[in-house]
Amino acid sequence: LFSKGKTTAAVRNVSLTLGRGETLGLVGESGCGKST
C-alpha cells in the first residue's frame, strides 16, 4: 500500500555455510542487510 511500486533488494544473492560448533561473525554497517 505504501511502497509506490518501488522495490529495494535488502539481501542480494548471498551464499554462506555454517559448521557444527562454529561461530560465523557477520559484520557491516547499519542498513547493509545483516538482520534481514
ModelCIF file with pLDDT and N, C-alpha, C, O atoms, coordinates in Angstrom:
data_MODEL
#
_entry.id   MODEL 
#
_entity.id                         1 
_entity.type                       polymer 
_entity.pdbx_number_of_molecules   1 
#
_entity_poly.entity_id                      1 
_entity_poly.type                           'polypeptide(L)' 
_entity_poly.nstd_linkage                   no 
_entity_poly.nstd_monomer                   no 
_entity_poly.pdbx_seq_one_letter_code       LFSKGKTTAAVRNVSLTLGRGETLGLVGESGCGKST 
_entity_poly.pdbx_seq_one_letter_code_can   LFSKGKTTAAVRNVSLTLGRGETLGLVGESGCGKST 
_entity_poly.pdbx_strand_id                 A 
#
loop_
_entity_poly_seq.entity_id 
_entity_poly_seq.num 
_entity_poly_seq.mon_id 
_entity_poly_seq.hetero 
1 1  LEU n 
1 2  PHE n 
1 3  SER n 
1 4  LYS n 
1 5  GLY n 
1 6  LYS n 
1 7  THR n 
1 8  THR n 
1 9  ALA n 
1 10 ALA n 
1 11 VAL n 
1 12 ARG n 
1 13 ASN n 
1 14 VAL n 
1 15 SER n 
1 16 LEU n 
1 17 THR n 
1 18 LEU n 
1 19 GLY n 
1 20 ARG n 
1 21 GLY n 
1 22 GLU n 
1 23 THR n 
1 24 LEU n 
1 25 GLY n 
1 26 LEU n 
1 27 VAL n 
1 28 GLY n 
1 29 GLU n 
1 30 SER n 
1 31 GLY n 
1 32 CYS n 
1 33 GLY n 
1 34 LYS n 
1 35 SER n 
1 36 THR n 
#
_struct_asym.id          A 
_struct_asym.entity_id   1 
#
loop_
_ma_qa_metric.id 
_ma_qa_metric.mode 
_ma_qa_metric.name 
_ma_qa_metric.software_group_id 
_ma_qa_metric.type 
1 global pLDDT . pLDDT 
2 local  pLDDT . pLDDT 
#
_ma_qa_metric_global.metric_id      1 
_ma_qa_metric_global.metric_value   85.03 
_ma_qa_metric_global.model_id       1 
_ma_qa_metric_global.ordinal_id     1 
#
loop_
_ma_qa_metric_local.label_asym_id 
_ma_qa_metric_local.label_comp_id 
_ma_qa_metric_local.label_seq_id 
_ma_qa_metric_local.metric_id 
_ma_qa_metric_local.metric_value 
_ma_qa_metric_local.model_id 
_ma_qa_metric_local.ordinal_id 
A LEU 1  2 51.00 1 1  
A PHE 2  2 49.00 1 2  
A SER 3  2 50.00 1 3  
A LYS 4  2 56.00 1 4  
A GLY 5  2 60.00 1 5  
A LYS 6  2 68.00 1 6  
A THR 7  2 75.00 1 7  
A THR 8  2 77.00 1 8  
A ALA 9  2 85.00 1 9  
A ALA 10 2 88.00 1 10 
A VAL 11 2 94.00 1 11 
A ARG 12 2 95.00 1 12 
A ASN 13 2 95.00 1 13 
A VAL 14 2 96.00 1 14 
A SER 15 2 96.00 1 15 
A LEU 16 2 96.00 1 16 
A THR 17 2 96.00 1 17 
A LEU 18 2 96.00 1 18 
A GLY 19 2 95.00 1 19 
A ARG 20 2 94.00 1 20 
A GLY 21 2 94.00 1 21 
A GLU 22 2 96.00 1 22 
A THR 23 2 96.00 1 23 
A LEU 24 2 97.00 1 24 
A GLY 25 2 96.00 1 25 
A LEU 26 2 96.00 1 26 
A VAL 27 2 94.00 1 27 
A GLY 28 2 91.00 1 28 
A GLU 29 2 85.00 1 29 
A SER 30 2 79.00 1 30 
A GLY 31 2 78.00 1 31 
A CYS 32 2 87.00 1 32 
A GLY 33 2 89.00 1 33 
A LYS 34 2 91.00 1 34 
A SER 35 2 89.00 1 35 
A THR 36 2 91.00 1 36 
#
loop_
_atom_site.group_PDB 
_atom_site.id 
_atom_site.type_symbol 
_atom_site.label_atom_id 
_atom_site.label_alt_id 
_atom_site.label_comp_id 
_atom_site.label_asym_id 
_atom_site.label_entity_id 
_atom_site.label_seq_id 
_atom_site.pdbx_PDB_ins_code 
_atom_site.Cartn_x 
_atom_site.Cartn_y 
_atom_site.Cartn_z 
_atom_site.occupancy 
_atom_site.B_iso_or_equiv 
_atom_site.pdbx_formal_charge 
_atom_site.auth_seq_id 
_atom_site.auth_comp_id 
_atom_site.auth_asym_id 
_atom_site.auth_atom_id 
_atom_site.pdbx_PDB_model_num 
ATOM 1   N N  . LEU A 1 1  ? 0.820  -1.216  0.000  1.00 51.00 ? 1  LEU A N  1 
ATOM 2   C CA . LEU A 1 1  ? 0.000  0.000   0.000  1.00 51.00 ? 1  LEU A CA 1 
ATOM 3   C C  . LEU A 1 1  ? 0.848  1.258   0.000  1.00 51.00 ? 1  LEU A C  1 
ATOM 4   O O  . LEU A 1 1  ? 0.498  2.243   -0.650 1.00 51.00 ? 1  LEU A O  1 
ATOM 5   N N  . PHE A 1 2  ? 2.002  1.235   0.750  1.00 49.00 ? 2  PHE A N  1 
ATOM 6   C CA . PHE A 1 2  ? 2.820  2.441   0.894  1.00 49.00 ? 2  PHE A CA 1 
ATOM 7   C C  . PHE A 1 2  ? 4.108  2.396   0.079  1.00 49.00 ? 2  PHE A C  1 
ATOM 8   O O  . PHE A 1 2  ? 4.938  3.298   0.187  1.00 49.00 ? 2  PHE A O  1 
ATOM 9   N N  . SER A 1 3  ? 4.282  1.361   -0.729 1.00 50.00 ? 3  SER A N  1 
ATOM 10  C CA . SER A 1 3  ? 5.569  1.201   -1.419 1.00 50.00 ? 3  SER A CA 1 
ATOM 11  C C  . SER A 1 3  ? 5.679  2.003   -2.695 1.00 50.00 ? 3  SER A C  1 
ATOM 12  O O  . SER A 1 3  ? 6.787  2.220   -3.186 1.00 50.00 ? 3  SER A O  1 
ATOM 13  N N  . LYS A 1 4  ? 4.526  2.465   -3.266 1.00 56.00 ? 4  LYS A N  1 
ATOM 14  C CA . LYS A 1 4  ? 4.510  3.238   -4.510 1.00 56.00 ? 4  LYS A CA 1 
ATOM 15  C C  . LYS A 1 4  ? 5.204  2.496   -5.641 1.00 56.00 ? 4  LYS A C  1 
ATOM 16  O O  . LYS A 1 4  ? 5.765  3.113   -6.547 1.00 56.00 ? 4  LYS A O  1 
ATOM 17  N N  . GLY A 1 5  ? 5.164  1.152   -5.584 1.00 60.00 ? 5  GLY A N  1 
ATOM 18  C CA . GLY A 1 5  ? 5.736  0.352   -6.663 1.00 60.00 ? 5  GLY A CA 1 
ATOM 19  C C  . GLY A 1 5  ? 7.231  0.192   -6.621 1.00 60.00 ? 5  GLY A C  1 
ATOM 20  O O  . GLY A 1 5  ? 7.790  -0.505  -7.468 1.00 60.00 ? 5  GLY A O  1 
ATOM 21  N N  . LYS A 1 6  ? 7.916  0.820   -5.653 1.00 68.00 ? 6  LYS A N  1 
ATOM 22  C CA . LYS A 1 6  ? 9.367  0.740   -5.582 1.00 68.00 ? 6  LYS A CA 1 
ATOM 23  C C  . LYS A 1 6  ? 9.793  -0.518  -4.840 1.00 68.00 ? 6  LYS A C  1 
ATOM 24  O O  . LYS A 1 6  ? 9.123  -0.951  -3.902 1.00 68.00 ? 6  LYS A O  1 
ATOM 25  N N  . THR A 1 7  ? 10.886 -1.091  -5.254 1.00 75.00 ? 7  THR A N  1 
ATOM 26  C CA . THR A 1 7  ? 11.433 -2.263  -4.564 1.00 75.00 ? 7  THR A CA 1 
ATOM 27  C C  . THR A 1 7  ? 12.880 -1.997  -4.167 1.00 75.00 ? 7  THR A C  1 
ATOM 28  O O  . THR A 1 7  ? 13.602 -1.269  -4.848 1.00 75.00 ? 7  THR A O  1 
ATOM 29  N N  . THR A 1 8  ? 13.288 -2.597  -3.061 1.00 77.00 ? 8  THR A N  1 
ATOM 30  C CA . THR A 1 8  ? 14.660 -2.480  -2.578 1.00 77.00 ? 8  THR A CA 1 
ATOM 31  C C  . THR A 1 8  ? 15.176 -3.865  -2.257 1.00 77.00 ? 8  THR A C  1 
ATOM 32  O O  . THR A 1 8  ? 14.573 -4.596  -1.470 1.00 77.00 ? 8  THR A O  1 
ATOM 33  N N  . ALA A 1 9  ? 16.306 -4.230  -2.873 1.00 85.00 ? 9  ALA A N  1 
ATOM 34  C CA . ALA A 1 9  ? 16.923 -5.528  -2.588 1.00 85.00 ? 9  ALA A CA 1 
ATOM 35  C C  . ALA A 1 9  ? 17.768 -5.397  -1.327 1.00 85.00 ? 9  ALA A C  1 
ATOM 36  O O  . ALA A 1 9  ? 18.895 -4.902  -1.374 1.00 85.00 ? 9  ALA A O  1 
ATOM 37  N N  . ALA A 1 10 ? 17.220 -5.843  -0.200 1.00 88.00 ? 10 ALA A N  1 
ATOM 38  C CA . ALA A 1 10 ? 17.938 -5.742  1.068  1.00 88.00 ? 10 ALA A CA 1 
ATOM 39  C C  . ALA A 1 10 ? 19.028 -6.799  1.173  1.00 88.00 ? 10 ALA A C  1 
ATOM 40  O O  . ALA A 1 10 ? 20.065 -6.561  1.791  1.00 88.00 ? 10 ALA A O  1 
ATOM 41  N N  . VAL A 1 11 ? 18.800 -7.964  0.575  1.00 94.00 ? 11 VAL A N  1 
ATOM 42  C CA . VAL A 1 11 ? 19.781 -9.053  0.525  1.00 94.00 ? 11 VAL A CA 1 
ATOM 43  C C  . VAL A 1 11 ? 19.875 -9.514  -0.918 1.00 94.00 ? 11 VAL A C  1 
ATOM 44  O O  . VAL A 1 11 ? 18.859 -9.789  -1.556 1.00 94.00 ? 11 VAL A O  1 
ATOM 45  N N  . ARG A 1 12 ? 21.117 -9.600  -1.443 1.00 95.00 ? 12 ARG A N  1 
ATOM 46  C CA . ARG A 1 12 ? 21.281 -9.905  -2.870 1.00 95.00 ? 12 ARG A CA 1 
ATOM 47  C C  . ARG A 1 12 ? 22.248 -11.063 -3.081 1.00 95.00 ? 12 ARG A C  1 
ATOM 48  O O  . ARG A 1 12 ? 23.455 -10.935 -2.872 1.00 95.00 ? 12 ARG A O  1 
ATOM 49  N N  . ASN A 1 13 ? 21.696 -12.183 -3.495 1.00 95.00 ? 13 ASN A N  1 
ATOM 50  C CA . ASN A 1 13 ? 22.497 -13.322 -3.944 1.00 95.00 ? 13 ASN A CA 1 
ATOM 51  C C  . ASN A 1 13 ? 23.555 -13.741 -2.923 1.00 95.00 ? 13 ASN A C  1 
ATOM 52  O O  . ASN A 1 13 ? 24.727 -13.909 -3.261 1.00 95.00 ? 13 ASN A O  1 
ATOM 53  N N  . VAL A 1 14 ? 23.126 -13.907 -1.670 1.00 96.00 ? 14 VAL A N  1 
ATOM 54  C CA . VAL A 1 14 ? 24.052 -14.241 -0.584 1.00 96.00 ? 14 VAL A CA 1 
ATOM 55  C C  . VAL A 1 14 ? 24.194 -15.755 -0.451 1.00 96.00 ? 14 VAL A C  1 
ATOM 56  O O  . VAL A 1 14 ? 23.203 -16.486 -0.449 1.00 96.00 ? 14 VAL A O  1 
ATOM 57  N N  . SER A 1 15 ? 25.435 -16.211 -0.341 1.00 96.00 ? 15 SER A N  1 
ATOM 58  C CA . SER A 1 15 ? 25.730 -17.621 -0.081 1.00 96.00 ? 15 SER A CA 1 
ATOM 59  C C  . SER A 1 15 ? 26.691 -17.710 1.101  1.00 96.00 ? 15 SER A C  1 
ATOM 60  O O  . SER A 1 15 ? 27.648 -16.941 1.194  1.00 96.00 ? 15 SER A O  1 
ATOM 61  N N  . LEU A 1 16 ? 26.426 -18.655 2.002  1.00 96.00 ? 16 LEU A N  1 
ATOM 62  C CA . LEU A 1 16 ? 27.319 -18.883 3.128  1.00 96.00 ? 16 LEU A CA 1 
ATOM 63  C C  . LEU A 1 16 ? 27.064 -20.261 3.714  1.00 96.00 ? 16 LEU A C  1 
ATOM 64  O O  . LEU A 1 16 ? 26.031 -20.878 3.455  1.00 96.00 ? 16 LEU A O  1 
ATOM 65  N N  . THR A 1 17 ? 28.025 -20.738 4.512  1.00 96.00 ? 17 THR A N  1 
ATOM 66  C CA . THR A 1 17 ? 27.877 -22.004 5.230  1.00 96.00 ? 17 THR A CA 1 
ATOM 67  C C  . THR A 1 17 ? 28.248 -21.788 6.688  1.00 96.00 ? 17 THR A C  1 
ATOM 68  O O  . THR A 1 17 ? 29.016 -20.885 7.022  1.00 96.00 ? 17 THR A O  1 
ATOM 69  N N  . LEU A 1 18 ? 27.690 -22.631 7.551  1.00 96.00 ? 18 LEU A N  1 
ATOM 70  C CA . LEU A 1 18 ? 27.992 -22.591 8.978  1.00 96.00 ? 18 LEU A CA 1 
ATOM 71  C C  . LEU A 1 18 ? 28.169 -24.027 9.452  1.00 96.00 ? 18 LEU A C  1 
ATOM 72  O O  . LEU A 1 18 ? 27.283 -24.860 9.266  1.00 96.00 ? 18 LEU A O  1 
ATOM 73  N N  . GLY A 1 19 ? 29.313 -24.316 10.065 1.00 95.00 ? 19 GLY A N  1 
ATOM 74  C CA . GLY A 1 19 ? 29.621 -25.671 10.504 1.00 95.00 ? 19 GLY A CA 1 
ATOM 75  C C  . GLY A 1 19 ? 29.177 -25.941 11.925 1.00 95.00 ? 19 GLY A C  1 
ATOM 76  O O  . GLY A 1 19 ? 28.958 -25.014 12.704 1.00 95.00 ? 19 GLY A O  1 
ATOM 77  N N  . ARG A 1 20 ? 29.042 -27.212 12.261 1.00 94.00 ? 20 ARG A N  1 
ATOM 78  C CA . ARG A 1 20 ? 28.655 -27.603 13.613 1.00 94.00 ? 20 ARG A CA 1 
ATOM 79  C C  . ARG A 1 20 ? 29.691 -27.103 14.623 1.00 94.00 ? 20 ARG A C  1 
ATOM 80  O O  . ARG A 1 20 ? 30.889 -27.319 14.442 1.00 94.00 ? 20 ARG A O  1 
ATOM 81  N N  . GLY A 1 21 ? 29.237 -26.443 15.674 1.00 94.00 ? 21 GLY A N  1 
ATOM 82  C CA . GLY A 1 21 ? 30.127 -25.933 16.705 1.00 94.00 ? 21 GLY A CA 1 
ATOM 83  C C  . GLY A 1 21 ? 30.986 -24.763 16.264 1.00 94.00 ? 21 GLY A C  1 
ATOM 84  O O  . GLY A 1 21 ? 31.990 -24.456 16.906 1.00 94.00 ? 21 GLY A O  1 
ATOM 85  N N  . GLU A 1 22 ? 30.607 -24.104 15.175 1.00 96.00 ? 22 GLU A N  1 
ATOM 86  C CA . GLU A 1 22 ? 31.391 -22.992 14.639 1.00 96.00 ? 22 GLU A CA 1 
ATOM 87  C C  . GLU A 1 22 ? 30.649 -21.670 14.872 1.00 96.00 ? 22 GLU A C  1 
ATOM 88  O O  . GLU A 1 22 ? 29.421 -21.641 14.944 1.00 96.00 ? 22 GLU A O  1 
ATOM 89  N N  . THR A 1 23 ? 31.411 -20.585 14.986 1.00 96.00 ? 23 THR A N  1 
ATOM 90  C CA . THR A 1 23 ? 30.824 -19.257 15.036 1.00 96.00 ? 23 THR A CA 1 
ATOM 91  C C  . THR A 1 23 ? 31.242 -18.478 13.789 1.00 96.00 ? 23 THR A C  1 
ATOM 92  O O  . THR A 1 23 ? 32.429 -18.281 13.531 1.00 96.00 ? 23 THR A O  1 
ATOM 93  N N  . LEU A 1 24 ? 30.248 -18.042 13.028 1.00 97.00 ? 24 LEU A N  1 
ATOM 94  C CA . LEU A 1 24 ? 30.478 -17.201 11.861 1.00 97.00 ? 24 LEU A CA 1 
ATOM 95  C C  . LEU A 1 24 ? 30.054 -15.783 12.230 1.00 97.00 ? 24 LEU A C  1 
ATOM 96  O O  . LEU A 1 24 ? 28.884 -15.540 12.524 1.00 97.00 ? 24 LEU A O  1 
ATOM 97  N N  . GLY A 1 25 ? 30.998 -14.850 12.216 1.00 96.00 ? 25 GLY A N  1 
ATOM 98  C CA . GLY A 1 25 ? 30.692 -13.459 12.512 1.00 96.00 ? 25 GLY A CA 1 
ATOM 99  C C  . GLY A 1 25 ? 30.259 -12.729 11.261 1.00 96.00 ? 25 GLY A C  1 
ATOM 100 O O  . GLY A 1 25 ? 30.918 -12.820 10.225 1.00 96.00 ? 25 GLY A O  1 
ATOM 101 N N  . LEU A 1 26 ? 29.151 -12.002 11.348 1.00 96.00 ? 26 LEU A N  1 
ATOM 102 C CA . LEU A 1 26 ? 28.628 -11.230 10.222 1.00 96.00 ? 26 LEU A CA 1 
ATOM 103 C C  . LEU A 1 26 ? 28.684 -9.758  10.593 1.00 96.00 ? 26 LEU A C  1 
ATOM 104 O O  . LEU A 1 26 ? 28.010 -9.329  11.529 1.00 96.00 ? 26 LEU A O  1 
ATOM 105 N N  . VAL A 1 27 ? 29.485 -8.975  9.864  1.00 94.00 ? 27 VAL A N  1 
ATOM 106 C CA . VAL A 1 27 ? 29.698 -7.570  10.203 1.00 94.00 ? 27 VAL A CA 1 
ATOM 107 C C  . VAL A 1 27 ? 29.333 -6.679  9.029  1.00 94.00 ? 27 VAL A C  1 
ATOM 108 O O  . VAL A 1 27 ? 29.292 -7.120  7.880  1.00 94.00 ? 27 VAL A O  1 
ATOM 109 N N  . GLY A 1 28 ? 29.071 -5.427  9.334  1.00 91.00 ? 28 GLY A N  1 
ATOM 110 C CA . GLY A 1 28 ? 28.737 -4.437  8.313  1.00 91.00 ? 28 GLY A CA 1 
ATOM 111 C C  . GLY A 1 28 ? 28.008 -3.275  8.948  1.00 91.00 ? 28 GLY A C  1 
ATOM 112 O O  . GLY A 1 28 ? 27.600 -3.348  10.107 1.00 91.00 ? 28 GLY A O  1 
ATOM 113 N N  . GLU A 1 29 ? 27.843 -2.199  8.191  1.00 85.00 ? 29 GLU A N  1 
ATOM 114 C CA . GLU A 1 29 ? 27.176 -1.007  8.695  1.00 85.00 ? 29 GLU A CA 1 
ATOM 115 C C  . GLU A 1 29 ? 25.688 -1.252  8.881  1.00 85.00 ? 29 GLU A C  1 
ATOM 116 O O  . GLU A 1 29 ? 25.136 -2.217  8.354  1.00 85.00 ? 29 GLU A O  1 
ATOM 117 N N  . SER A 1 30 ? 25.043 -0.365  9.641  1.00 79.00 ? 30 SER A N  1 
ATOM 118 C CA . SER A 1 30 ? 23.589 -0.405  9.765  1.00 79.00 ? 30 SER A CA 1 
ATOM 119 C C  . SER A 1 30 ? 22.972 -0.234  8.378  1.00 79.00 ? 30 SER A C  1 
ATOM 120 O O  . SER A 1 30 ? 23.402 0.610   7.592  1.00 79.00 ? 30 SER A O  1 
ATOM 121 N N  . GLY A 1 31 ? 21.965 -1.046  8.097  1.00 78.00 ? 31 GLY A N  1 
ATOM 122 C CA . GLY A 1 31 ? 21.297 -0.958  6.806  1.00 78.00 ? 31 GLY A CA 1 
ATOM 123 C C  . GLY A 1 31 ? 21.922 -1.782  5.713  1.00 78.00 ? 31 GLY A C  1 
ATOM 124 O O  . GLY A 1 31 ? 21.450 -1.755  4.576  1.00 78.00 ? 31 GLY A O  1 
ATOM 125 N N  . CYS A 1 32 ? 22.991 -2.528  6.028  1.00 87.00 ? 32 CYS A N  1 
ATOM 126 C CA . CYS A 1 32 ? 23.656 -3.312  4.984  1.00 87.00 ? 32 CYS A CA 1 
ATOM 127 C C  . CYS A 1 32 ? 22.927 -4.622  4.705  1.00 87.00 ? 32 CYS A C  1 
ATOM 128 O O  . CYS A 1 32 ? 23.214 -5.275  3.702  1.00 87.00 ? 32 CYS A O  1 
ATOM 129 N N  . GLY A 1 33 ? 21.989 -5.024  5.568  1.00 89.00 ? 33 GLY A N  1 
ATOM 130 C CA . GLY A 1 33 ? 21.216 -6.233  5.313  1.00 89.00 ? 33 GLY A CA 1 
ATOM 131 C C  . GLY A 1 33 ? 21.492 -7.383  6.259  1.00 89.00 ? 33 GLY A C  1 
ATOM 132 O O  . GLY A 1 33 ? 20.991 -8.486  6.043  1.00 89.00 ? 33 GLY A O  1 
ATOM 133 N N  . LYS A 1 34 ? 22.292 -7.151  7.324  1.00 91.00 ? 34 LYS A N  1 
ATOM 134 C CA . LYS A 1 34 ? 22.653 -8.248  8.231  1.00 91.00 ? 34 LYS A CA 1 
ATOM 135 C C  . LYS A 1 34 ? 21.419 -8.873  8.886  1.00 91.00 ? 34 LYS A C  1 
ATOM 136 O O  . LYS A 1 34 ? 21.227 -10.088 8.832  1.00 91.00 ? 34 LYS A O  1 
ATOM 137 N N  . SER A 1 35 ? 20.587 -8.034  9.503  1.00 89.00 ? 35 SER A N  1 
ATOM 138 C CA . SER A 1 35 ? 19.419 -8.561  10.207 1.00 89.00 ? 35 SER A CA 1 
ATOM 139 C C  . SER A 1 35 ? 18.397 -9.138  9.232  1.00 89.00 ? 35 SER A C  1 
ATOM 140 O O  . SER A 1 35 ? 17.742 -10.135 9.537  1.00 89.00 ? 35 SER A O  1 
ATOM 141 N N  . THR A 1 36 ? 18.260 -8.524  8.073  1.00 91.00 ? 36 THR A N  1 
ATOM 142 C CA . THR A 1 36 ? 17.332 -9.062  7.076  1.00 91.00 ? 36 THR A CA 1 
ATOM 143 C C  . THR A 1 36 ? 17.798 -10.432 6.604  1.00 91.00 ? 36 THR A C  1 
ATOM 144 O O  . THR A 1 36 ? 17.146 -11.049 5.762  1.00 91.00 ? 36 THR A O  1 
#
